[in-house]
PDB file of all heavy atoms in Angstrom:
ATOM      1  N   PRO A   1       4.014   9.621  -9.769  1.00  0.00           N
ATOM      2  CA  PRO A   1       2.807   8.751  -9.864  1.00  0.00           C
ATOM      3  C   PRO A   1       2.080   8.755  -8.547  1.00  0.00           C
ATOM      4  O   PRO A   1       2.664   8.696  -7.433  1.00  0.00           O
ATOM      5  CB  PRO A   1       3.431   7.437 -10.140  1.00  0.00           C
ATOM      6  CG  PRO A   1       4.796   7.647 -10.718  1.00  0.00           C
ATOM      7  CD  PRO A   1       5.241   8.886 -10.005  1.00  0.00           C
ATOM      8  N   VAL A   2       0.778   8.762  -8.645  1.00  0.00           N
ATOM      9  CA  VAL A   2      -0.102   8.719  -7.473  1.00  0.00           C
ATOM     10  C   VAL A   2      -0.761   7.327  -7.430  1.00  0.00           C
ATOM     11  O   VAL A   2      -1.534   6.983  -8.414  1.00  0.00           O
ATOM     12  CB  VAL A   2      -1.172   9.816  -7.452  1.00  0.00           C
ATOM     13  CG1 VAL A   2      -2.047   9.709  -6.199  1.00  0.00           C
ATOM     14  CG2 VAL A   2      -0.591  11.207  -7.620  1.00  0.00           C
ATOM     15  N   ILE A   3      -0.418   6.605  -6.447  1.00  0.00           N
ATOM     16  CA  ILE A   3      -0.957   5.197  -6.328  1.00  0.00           C
ATOM     17  C   ILE A   3      -1.807   5.146  -5.035  1.00  0.00           C
ATOM     18  O   ILE A   3      -1.593   5.899  -4.158  1.00  0.00           O
ATOM     19  CB  ILE A   3       0.052   4.131  -6.309  1.00  0.00           C
ATOM     20  CG1 ILE A   3       0.860   4.069  -5.051  1.00  0.00           C
ATOM     21  CG2 ILE A   3       1.078   4.334  -7.536  1.00  0.00           C
ATOM     22  CD1 ILE A   3       1.830   2.880  -4.887  1.00  0.00           C
ATOM     23  N   GLY A   4      -2.795   4.217  -5.008  1.00  0.00           N
ATOM     24  CA  GLY A   4      -3.578   4.103  -3.810  1.00  0.00           C
ATOM     25  C   GLY A   4      -4.635   3.056  -3.910  1.00  0.00           C
ATOM     26  O   GLY A   4      -4.735   2.271  -4.879  1.00  0.00           O
ATOM     27  N   ARG A   5      -5.465   3.000  -2.933  1.00  0.00           N
ATOM     28  CA  ARG A   5      -6.567   2.010  -2.801  1.00  0.00           C
ATOM     29  C   ARG A   5      -7.648   2.543  -1.871  1.00  0.00           C
ATOM     30  O   ARG A   5      -7.406   3.399  -0.996  1.00  0.00           O
ATOM     31  CB  ARG A   5      -6.012   0.681  -2.287  1.00  0.00           C
ATOM     32  CG  ARG A   5      -5.149   0.860  -1.063  1.00  0.00           C
ATOM     33  CD  ARG A   5      -4.852  -0.497  -0.391  1.00  0.00           C
ATOM     34  NE  ARG A   5      -5.906  -0.856   0.518  1.00  0.00           N
ATOM     35  CZ  ARG A   5      -6.028  -2.093   1.026  1.00  0.00           C
ATOM     36  NH1 ARG A   5      -5.270  -3.032   0.663  1.00  0.00           N
ATOM     37  NH2 ARG A   5      -7.062  -2.327   1.875  1.00  0.00           N
ATOM     38  N   HIS A   6      -8.906   2.116  -2.101  1.00  0.00           N
ATOM     39  CA  HIS A   6      -9.988   2.425  -1.237  1.00  0.00           C
ATOM     40  C   HIS A   6     -10.772   1.101  -0.897  1.00  0.00           C
ATOM     41  O   HIS A   6     -11.915   0.947  -1.257  1.00  0.00           O
ATOM     42  CB  HIS A   6     -10.928   3.509  -1.878  1.00  0.00           C
ATOM     43  CG  HIS A   6     -11.658   3.017  -3.072  1.00  0.00           C
ATOM     44  ND1 HIS A   6     -11.176   2.249  -4.049  1.00  0.00           N
ATOM     45  CD2 HIS A   6     -13.025   3.111  -3.400  1.00  0.00           C
ATOM     46  CE1 HIS A   6     -12.061   1.942  -4.956  1.00  0.00           C
ATOM     47  NE2 HIS A   6     -13.267   2.429  -4.627  1.00  0.00           N
ATOM     48  N   VAL A   7     -10.161   0.290  -0.147  1.00  0.00           N
ATOM     49  CA  VAL A   7     -10.629  -1.002   0.221  1.00  0.00           C
ATOM     50  C   VAL A   7     -10.738  -1.093   1.722  1.00  0.00           C
ATOM     51  O   VAL A   7      -9.861  -0.545   2.464  1.00  0.00           O
ATOM     52  CB  VAL A   7      -9.697  -2.103  -0.364  1.00  0.00           C
ATOM     53  CG1 VAL A   7     -10.297  -3.487   0.040  1.00  0.00           C
ATOM     54  CG2 VAL A   7      -9.558  -1.980  -1.803  1.00  0.00           C
ATOM     55  N   PRO A   8     -11.842  -1.674   2.237  1.00  0.00           N
ATOM     56  CA  PRO A   8     -11.957  -1.748   3.705  1.00  0.00           C
ATOM     57  C   PRO A   8     -10.724  -2.418   4.334  1.00  0.00           C
ATOM     58  O   PRO A   8     -10.162  -3.325   3.788  1.00  0.00           O
ATOM     59  CB  PRO A   8     -13.228  -2.616   3.895  1.00  0.00           C
ATOM     60  CG  PRO A   8     -14.065  -2.310   2.736  1.00  0.00           C
ATOM     61  CD  PRO A   8     -13.106  -2.164   1.661  1.00  0.00           C
ATOM     62  N   ASP A   9     -10.407  -1.912   5.514  1.00  0.00           N
ATOM     63  CA  ASP A   9      -9.153  -2.331   6.190  1.00  0.00           C
ATOM     64  C   ASP A   9      -9.376  -3.672   6.912  1.00  0.00           C
ATOM     65  O   ASP A   9      -9.938  -3.703   8.027  1.00  0.00           O
ATOM     66  CB  ASP A   9      -8.686  -1.247   7.181  1.00  0.00           C
ATOM     67  CG  ASP A   9      -7.481  -1.598   7.886  1.00  0.00           C
ATOM     68  OD1 ASP A   9      -6.649  -2.489   7.376  1.00  0.00           O
ATOM     69  OD2 ASP A   9      -7.256  -1.102   9.026  1.00  0.00           O
ATOM     70  N   ARG A  10      -9.017  -4.762   6.201  1.00  0.00           N
ATOM     71  CA  ARG A  10      -9.114  -6.148   6.831  1.00  0.00           C
ATOM     72  C   ARG A  10      -7.771  -6.775   6.537  1.00  0.00           C
ATOM     73  O   ARG A  10      -7.110  -6.498   5.520  1.00  0.00           O
ATOM     74  CB  ARG A  10     -10.286  -6.919   6.215  1.00  0.00           C
ATOM     75  CG  ARG A  10     -11.651  -6.403   6.542  1.00  0.00           C
ATOM     76  CD  ARG A  10     -12.696  -7.367   5.999  1.00  0.00           C
ATOM     77  NE  ARG A  10     -12.748  -7.369   4.561  1.00  0.00           N
ATOM     78  CZ  ARG A  10     -13.569  -6.669   3.792  1.00  0.00           C
ATOM     79  NH1 ARG A  10     -14.450  -5.892   4.418  1.00  0.00           N
ATOM     80  NH2 ARG A  10     -13.605  -6.800   2.535  1.00  0.00           N
ATOM     81  N   THR A  11      -7.421  -7.758   7.424  1.00  0.00           N
ATOM     82  CA  THR A  11      -6.165  -8.495   7.186  1.00  0.00           C
ATOM     83  C   THR A  11      -6.112  -9.068   5.808  1.00  0.00           C
ATOM     84  O   THR A  11      -5.089  -9.037   5.105  1.00  0.00           O
ATOM     85  CB  THR A  11      -6.025  -9.548   8.197  1.00  0.00           C
ATOM     86  OG1 THR A  11      -6.044  -8.976   9.567  1.00  0.00           O
ATOM     87  CG2 THR A  11      -4.703 -10.352   8.018  1.00  0.00           C
ATOM     88  N   GLY A  12      -7.235  -9.623   5.267  1.00  0.00           N
ATOM     89  CA  GLY A  12      -7.264 -10.270   4.038  1.00  0.00           C
ATOM     90  C   GLY A  12      -7.153  -9.272   2.901  1.00  0.00           C
ATOM     91  O   GLY A  12      -7.002  -9.761   1.742  1.00  0.00           O
ATOM     92  N   SER A  13      -7.280  -7.993   3.091  1.00  0.00           N
ATOM     93  CA  SER A  13      -7.169  -7.068   1.973  1.00  0.00           C
ATOM     94  C   SER A  13      -5.828  -6.356   1.779  1.00  0.00           C
ATOM     95  O   SER A  13      -5.655  -5.460   1.030  1.00  0.00           O
ATOM     96  CB  SER A  13      -8.306  -5.952   2.082  1.00  0.00           C
ATOM     97  OG  SER A  13      -7.930  -5.038   3.181  1.00  0.00           O
ATOM     98  N   TRP A  14      -4.841  -6.842   2.533  1.00  0.00           N
ATOM     99  CA  TRP A  14      -3.432  -6.328   2.462  1.00  0.00           C
ATOM    100  C   TRP A  14      -2.444  -7.510   2.235  1.00  0.00           C
ATOM    101  O   TRP A  14      -2.783  -8.642   2.455  1.00  0.00           O
ATOM    102  CB  TRP A  14      -3.030  -5.651   3.730  1.00  0.00           C
ATOM    103  CG  TRP A  14      -3.757  -4.396   4.074  1.00  0.00           C
ATOM    104  CD1 TRP A  14      -4.899  -4.316   4.859  1.00  0.00           C
ATOM    105  CD2 TRP A  14      -3.507  -3.083   3.635  1.00  0.00           C
ATOM    106  NE1 TRP A  14      -5.308  -2.926   4.914  1.00  0.00           N
ATOM    107  CE2 TRP A  14      -4.408  -2.249   4.186  1.00  0.00           C
ATOM    108  CE3 TRP A  14      -2.479  -2.581   2.741  1.00  0.00           C
ATOM    109  CZ2 TRP A  14      -4.470  -0.888   3.928  1.00  0.00           C
ATOM    110  CZ3 TRP A  14      -2.447  -1.199   2.572  1.00  0.00           C
ATOM    111  CH2 TRP A  14      -3.401  -0.335   3.083  1.00  0.00           C
ATOM    112  N   PRO A  15      -1.262  -7.126   1.673  1.00  0.00           N
ATOM    113  CA  PRO A  15      -0.241  -8.228   1.512  1.00  0.00           C
ATOM    114  C   PRO A  15       0.046  -8.932   2.826  1.00  0.00           C
ATOM    115  O   PRO A  15      -0.157  -8.380   3.887  1.00  0.00           O
ATOM    116  CB  PRO A  15       0.993  -7.423   0.960  1.00  0.00           C
ATOM    117  CG  PRO A  15       0.380  -6.206   0.286  1.00  0.00           C
ATOM    118  CD  PRO A  15      -0.809  -5.778   1.153  1.00  0.00           C
ATOM    119  N   ALA A  16       0.764 -10.061   2.693  1.00  0.00           N
ATOM    120  CA  ALA A  16       1.010 -10.905   3.816  1.00  0.00           C
ATOM    121  C   ALA A  16       2.196 -10.525   4.690  1.00  0.00           C
ATOM    122  O   ALA A  16       2.338 -10.749   5.878  1.00  0.00           O
ATOM    123  CB  ALA A  16       1.078 -12.338   3.454  1.00  0.00           C
ATOM    124  N   THR A  17       3.195  -9.897   3.960  1.00  0.00           N
ATOM    125  CA  THR A  17       4.442  -9.566   4.683  1.00  0.00           C
ATOM    126  C   THR A  17       4.807  -8.091   4.562  1.00  0.00           C
ATOM    127  O   THR A  17       4.380  -7.384   3.695  1.00  0.00           O
ATOM    128  CB  THR A  17       5.650 -10.400   4.013  1.00  0.00           C
ATOM    129  OG1 THR A  17       5.875  -9.897   2.671  1.00  0.00           O
ATOM    130  CG2 THR A  17       5.322 -11.873   3.948  1.00  0.00           C
ATOM    131  N   PRO A  18       5.645  -7.622   5.472  1.00  0.00           N
ATOM    132  CA  PRO A  18       6.118  -6.252   5.446  1.00  0.00           C
ATOM    133  C   PRO A  18       6.811  -5.950   4.070  1.00  0.00           C
ATOM    134  O   PRO A  18       6.690  -4.825   3.459  1.00  0.00           O
ATOM    135  CB  PRO A  18       7.047  -6.078   6.585  1.00  0.00           C
ATOM    136  CG  PRO A  18       6.604  -7.140   7.522  1.00  0.00           C
ATOM    137  CD  PRO A  18       6.171  -8.282   6.711  1.00  0.00           C
ATOM    138  N   GLU A  19       7.566  -6.834   3.608  1.00  0.00           N
ATOM    139  CA  GLU A  19       8.375  -6.640   2.415  1.00  0.00           C
ATOM    140  C   GLU A  19       7.434  -6.483   1.205  1.00  0.00           C
ATOM    141  O   GLU A  19       7.577  -5.506   0.358  1.00  0.00           O
ATOM    142  CB  GLU A  19       9.294  -7.851   2.148  1.00  0.00           C
ATOM    143  CG  GLU A  19      10.376  -8.023   3.110  1.00  0.00           C
ATOM    144  CD  GLU A  19       9.922  -8.643   4.404  1.00  0.00           C
ATOM    145  OE1 GLU A  19       8.786  -9.182   4.474  1.00  0.00           O
ATOM    146  OE2 GLU A  19      10.711  -8.554   5.446  1.00  0.00           O
ATOM    147  N   ASP A  20       6.374  -7.305   1.131  1.00  0.00           N
ATOM    148  CA  ASP A  20       5.437  -7.103   0.008  1.00  0.00           C
ATOM    149  C   ASP A  20       4.610  -5.829   0.161  1.00  0.00           C
ATOM    150  O   ASP A  20       4.317  -5.196  -0.779  1.00  0.00           O
ATOM    151  CB  ASP A  20       4.480  -8.413  -0.028  1.00  0.00           C
ATOM    152  CG  ASP A  20       5.149  -9.601  -0.695  1.00  0.00           C
ATOM    153  OD1 ASP A  20       6.219  -9.446  -1.292  1.00  0.00           O
ATOM    154  OD2 ASP A  20       4.509 -10.681  -0.598  1.00  0.00           O
ATOM    155  N   LEU A  21       4.289  -5.574   1.363  1.00  0.00           N
ATOM    156  CA  LEU A  21       3.541  -4.295   1.632  1.00  0.00           C
ATOM    157  C   LEU A  21       4.309  -3.091   1.117  1.00  0.00           C
ATOM    158  O   LEU A  21       3.674  -2.223   0.384  1.00  0.00           O
ATOM    159  CB  LEU A  21       3.218  -4.175   3.102  1.00  0.00           C
ATOM    160  CG  LEU A  21       2.547  -2.875   3.554  1.00  0.00           C
ATOM    161  CD1 LEU A  21       1.098  -2.814   3.052  1.00  0.00           C
ATOM    162  CD2 LEU A  21       2.497  -2.711   5.031  1.00  0.00           C
ATOM    163  N   LEU A  22       5.547  -2.971   1.481  1.00  0.00           N
ATOM    164  CA  LEU A  22       6.327  -1.755   1.091  1.00  0.00           C
ATOM    165  C   LEU A  22       6.770  -1.863  -0.412  1.00  0.00           C
ATOM    166  O   LEU A  22       7.172  -0.875  -0.939  1.00  0.00           O
ATOM    167  CB  LEU A  22       7.520  -1.628   2.011  1.00  0.00           C
ATOM    168  CG  LEU A  22       7.208  -1.254   3.470  1.00  0.00           C
ATOM    169  CD1 LEU A  22       8.458  -1.088   4.289  1.00  0.00           C
ATOM    170  CD2 LEU A  22       6.305   0.011   3.452  1.00  0.00           C
ATOM    171  N   ALA A  23       6.773  -3.066  -0.956  1.00  0.00           N
ATOM    172  CA  ALA A  23       7.042  -3.134  -2.393  1.00  0.00           C
ATOM    173  C   ALA A  23       5.784  -2.588  -3.152  1.00  0.00           C
ATOM    174  O   ALA A  23       5.994  -1.915  -4.176  1.00  0.00           O
ATOM    175  CB  ALA A  23       7.311  -4.544  -2.778  1.00  0.00           C
ATOM    176  N   ALA A  24       4.638  -2.891  -2.698  1.00  0.00           N
ATOM    177  CA  ALA A  24       3.396  -2.469  -3.415  1.00  0.00           C
ATOM    178  C   ALA A  24       3.085  -1.058  -3.162  1.00  0.00           C
ATOM    179  O   ALA A  24       2.593  -0.269  -4.065  1.00  0.00           O
ATOM    180  CB  ALA A  24       2.215  -3.324  -2.957  1.00  0.00           C
ATOM    181  N   TYR A  25       3.351  -0.528  -1.949  1.00  0.00           N
ATOM    182  CA  TYR A  25       3.165   0.828  -1.590  1.00  0.00           C
ATOM    183  C   TYR A  25       4.385   1.451  -0.943  1.00  0.00           C
ATOM    184  O   TYR A  25       4.539   1.499   0.272  1.00  0.00           O
ATOM    185  CB  TYR A  25       1.961   0.849  -0.491  1.00  0.00           C
ATOM    186  CG  TYR A  25       0.747   0.115  -0.932  1.00  0.00           C
ATOM    187  CD1 TYR A  25       0.530  -1.224  -0.509  1.00  0.00           C
ATOM    188  CD2 TYR A  25      -0.175   0.654  -1.857  1.00  0.00           C
ATOM    189  CE1 TYR A  25      -0.596  -1.910  -0.882  1.00  0.00           C
ATOM    190  CE2 TYR A  25      -1.258  -0.061  -2.231  1.00  0.00           C
ATOM    191  CZ  TYR A  25      -1.524  -1.293  -1.718  1.00  0.00           C
ATOM    192  OH  TYR A  25      -2.585  -2.037  -2.163  1.00  0.00           O
ATOM    193  N   PRO A  26       5.372   1.850  -1.733  1.00  0.00           N
ATOM    194  CA  PRO A  26       6.652   2.294  -1.246  1.00  0.00           C
ATOM    195  C   PRO A  26       6.624   3.377  -0.239  1.00  0.00           C
ATOM    196  O   PRO A  26       5.759   4.306  -0.338  1.00  0.00           O
ATOM    197  CB  PRO A  26       7.359   2.721  -2.546  1.00  0.00           C
ATOM    198  CG  PRO A  26       6.682   1.968  -3.658  1.00  0.00           C
ATOM    199  CD  PRO A  26       5.272   1.907  -3.234  1.00  0.00           C
ATOM    200  N   ASP A  27       7.549   3.363   0.625  1.00  0.00           N
ATOM    201  CA  ASP A  27       7.651   4.420   1.704  1.00  0.00           C
ATOM    202  C   ASP A  27       8.823   5.378   1.491  1.00  0.00           C
ATOM    203  O   ASP A  27       9.142   6.103   2.499  1.00  0.00           O
ATOM    204  CB  ASP A  27       7.704   3.786   3.080  1.00  0.00           C
ATOM    205  CG  ASP A  27       8.958   2.935   3.289  1.00  0.00           C
ATOM    206  OD1 ASP A  27       9.666   2.626   2.278  1.00  0.00           O
ATOM    207  OD2 ASP A  27       9.268   2.567   4.407  1.00  0.00           O
ATOM    208  N   ASP A  28       9.413   5.378   0.307  1.00  0.00           N
ATOM    209  CA  ASP A  28      10.615   6.172   0.128  1.00  0.00           C
ATOM    210  C   ASP A  28      10.397   7.476  -0.572  1.00  0.00           C
ATOM    211  O   ASP A  28      11.253   8.199  -0.975  1.00  0.00           O
ATOM    212  CB  ASP A  28      11.687   5.360  -0.672  1.00  0.00           C
ATOM    213  CG  ASP A  28      11.176   4.892  -2.006  1.00  0.00           C
ATOM    214  OD1 ASP A  28      10.033   5.269  -2.342  1.00  0.00           O
ATOM    215  OD2 ASP A  28      11.865   4.102  -2.720  1.00  0.00           O
ATOM    216  N   GLY A  29       9.064   7.829  -0.756  1.00  0.00           N
ATOM    217  CA  GLY A  29       8.755   9.098  -1.449  1.00  0.00           C
ATOM    218  C   GLY A  29       8.759   9.063  -2.974  1.00  0.00           C
ATOM    219  O   GLY A  29       8.476   9.991  -3.634  1.00  0.00           O
ATOM    220  N   ARG A  30       9.104   7.872  -3.522  1.00  0.00           N
ATOM    221  CA  ARG A  30       9.190   7.734  -4.939  1.00  0.00           C
ATOM    222  C   ARG A  30       7.787   7.899  -5.560  1.00  0.00           C
ATOM    223  O   ARG A  30       7.643   8.485  -6.661  1.00  0.00           O
ATOM    224  CB  ARG A  30       9.734   6.376  -5.304  1.00  0.00           C
ATOM    225  CG  ARG A  30       9.912   6.127  -6.767  1.00  0.00           C
ATOM    226  CD  ARG A  30      10.721   4.815  -6.988  1.00  0.00           C
ATOM    227  NE  ARG A  30      10.838   4.386  -8.374  1.00  0.00           N
ATOM    228  CZ  ARG A  30      11.575   3.363  -8.739  1.00  0.00           C
ATOM    229  NH1 ARG A  30      12.177   2.612  -7.829  1.00  0.00           N
ATOM    230  NH2 ARG A  30      11.722   3.054  -9.991  1.00  0.00           N
ATOM    231  N   PHE A  31       6.786   7.404  -4.894  1.00  0.00           N
ATOM    232  CA  PHE A  31       5.407   7.518  -5.352  1.00  0.00           C
ATOM    233  C   PHE A  31       4.579   8.294  -4.290  1.00  0.00           C
ATOM    234  O   PHE A  31       4.908   8.307  -3.114  1.00  0.00           O
ATOM    235  CB  PHE A  31       4.745   6.217  -5.560  1.00  0.00           C
ATOM    236  CG  PHE A  31       5.420   5.288  -6.536  1.00  0.00           C
ATOM    237  CD1 PHE A  31       5.188   3.906  -6.471  1.00  0.00           C
ATOM    238  CD2 PHE A  31       6.103   5.835  -7.608  1.00  0.00           C
ATOM    239  CE1 PHE A  31       5.809   3.113  -7.436  1.00  0.00           C
ATOM    240  CE2 PHE A  31       6.712   4.990  -8.559  1.00  0.00           C
ATOM    241  CZ  PHE A  31       6.535   3.626  -8.491  1.00  0.00           C
ATOM    242  N   ASP A  32       3.565   8.946  -4.703  1.00  0.00           N
ATOM    243  CA  ASP A  32       2.541   9.545  -3.866  1.00  0.00           C
ATOM    244  C   ASP A  32       1.539   8.507  -3.473  1.00  0.00           C
ATOM    245  O   ASP A  32       0.830   8.066  -4.410  1.00  0.00           O
ATOM    246  CB  ASP A  32       1.953  10.768  -4.479  1.00  0.00           C
ATOM    247  CG  ASP A  32       1.006  11.495  -3.721  1.00  0.00           C
ATOM    248  OD1 ASP A  32       0.522  10.974  -2.595  1.00  0.00           O
ATOM    249  OD2 ASP A  32       0.640  12.624  -4.035  1.00  0.00           O
ATOM    250  N   VAL A  33       1.543   8.026  -2.255  1.00  0.00           N
ATOM    251  CA  VAL A  33       0.647   6.863  -1.864  1.00  0.00           C
ATOM    252  C   VAL A  33      -0.487   7.428  -1.039  1.00  0.00           C
ATOM    253  O   VAL A  33      -0.287   8.096  -0.049  1.00  0.00           O
ATOM    254  CB  VAL A  33       1.440   5.879  -0.961  1.00  0.00           C
ATOM    255  CG1 VAL A  33       0.539   4.760  -0.497  1.00  0.00           C
ATOM    256  CG2 VAL A  33       2.735   5.338  -1.766  1.00  0.00           C
ATOM    257  N   ARG A  34      -1.721   7.082  -1.468  1.00  0.00           N
ATOM    258  CA  ARG A  34      -2.919   7.573  -0.779  1.00  0.00           C
ATOM    259  C   ARG A  34      -3.831   6.348  -0.456  1.00  0.00           C
ATOM    260  O   ARG A  34      -4.111   5.499  -1.334  1.00  0.00           O
ATOM    261  CB  ARG A  34      -3.655   8.580  -1.587  1.00  0.00           C
ATOM    262  CG  ARG A  34      -2.765   9.711  -2.031  1.00  0.00           C
ATOM    263  CD  ARG A  34      -3.429  10.880  -2.746  1.00  0.00           C
ATOM    264  NE  ARG A  34      -2.425  11.827  -3.091  1.00  0.00           N
ATOM    265  CZ  ARG A  34      -2.744  13.074  -3.615  1.00  0.00           C
ATOM    266  NH1 ARG A  34      -4.027  13.460  -3.654  1.00  0.00           N
ATOM    267  NH2 ARG A  34      -1.822  13.872  -3.965  1.00  0.00           N
ATOM    268  N   ILE A  35      -4.325   6.303   0.786  1.00  0.00           N
ATOM    269  CA  ILE A  35      -5.084   5.178   1.271  1.00  0.00           C
ATOM    270  C   ILE A  35      -6.357   5.652   1.892  1.00  0.00           C
ATOM    271  O   ILE A  35      -6.387   6.592   2.631  1.00  0.00           O
ATOM    272  CB  ILE A  35      -4.301   4.437   2.377  1.00  0.00           C
ATOM    273  CG1 ILE A  35      -2.934   4.019   1.908  1.00  0.00           C
ATOM    274  CG2 ILE A  35      -5.095   3.248   2.878  1.00  0.00           C
ATOM    275  CD1 ILE A  35      -2.868   3.002   0.782  1.00  0.00           C
ATOM    276  N   MET A  36      -7.463   5.036   1.411  1.00  0.00           N
ATOM    277  CA  MET A  36      -8.799   5.308   2.092  1.00  0.00           C
ATOM    278  C   MET A  36      -9.426   4.027   2.455  1.00  0.00           C
ATOM    279  O   MET A  36      -9.376   3.010   1.652  1.00  0.00           O
ATOM    280  CB  MET A  36      -9.736   6.072   1.132  1.00  0.00           C
ATOM    281  CG  MET A  36     -11.004   6.639   1.846  1.00  0.00           C
ATOM    282  SD  MET A  36     -11.976   7.789   0.760  1.00  0.00           S
ATOM    283  CE  MET A  36     -12.869   6.621  -0.284  1.00  0.00           C
TER     284      MET A  36
END
């Protein structure tokens, strides 16, 4: 699966905690994560 987002980089546009961030956008290679 390819997941991602193209939203301006502001504090309010990301999850609040590291745990929620990596749950939404995993870093283990399970998904292809693309950010713009």
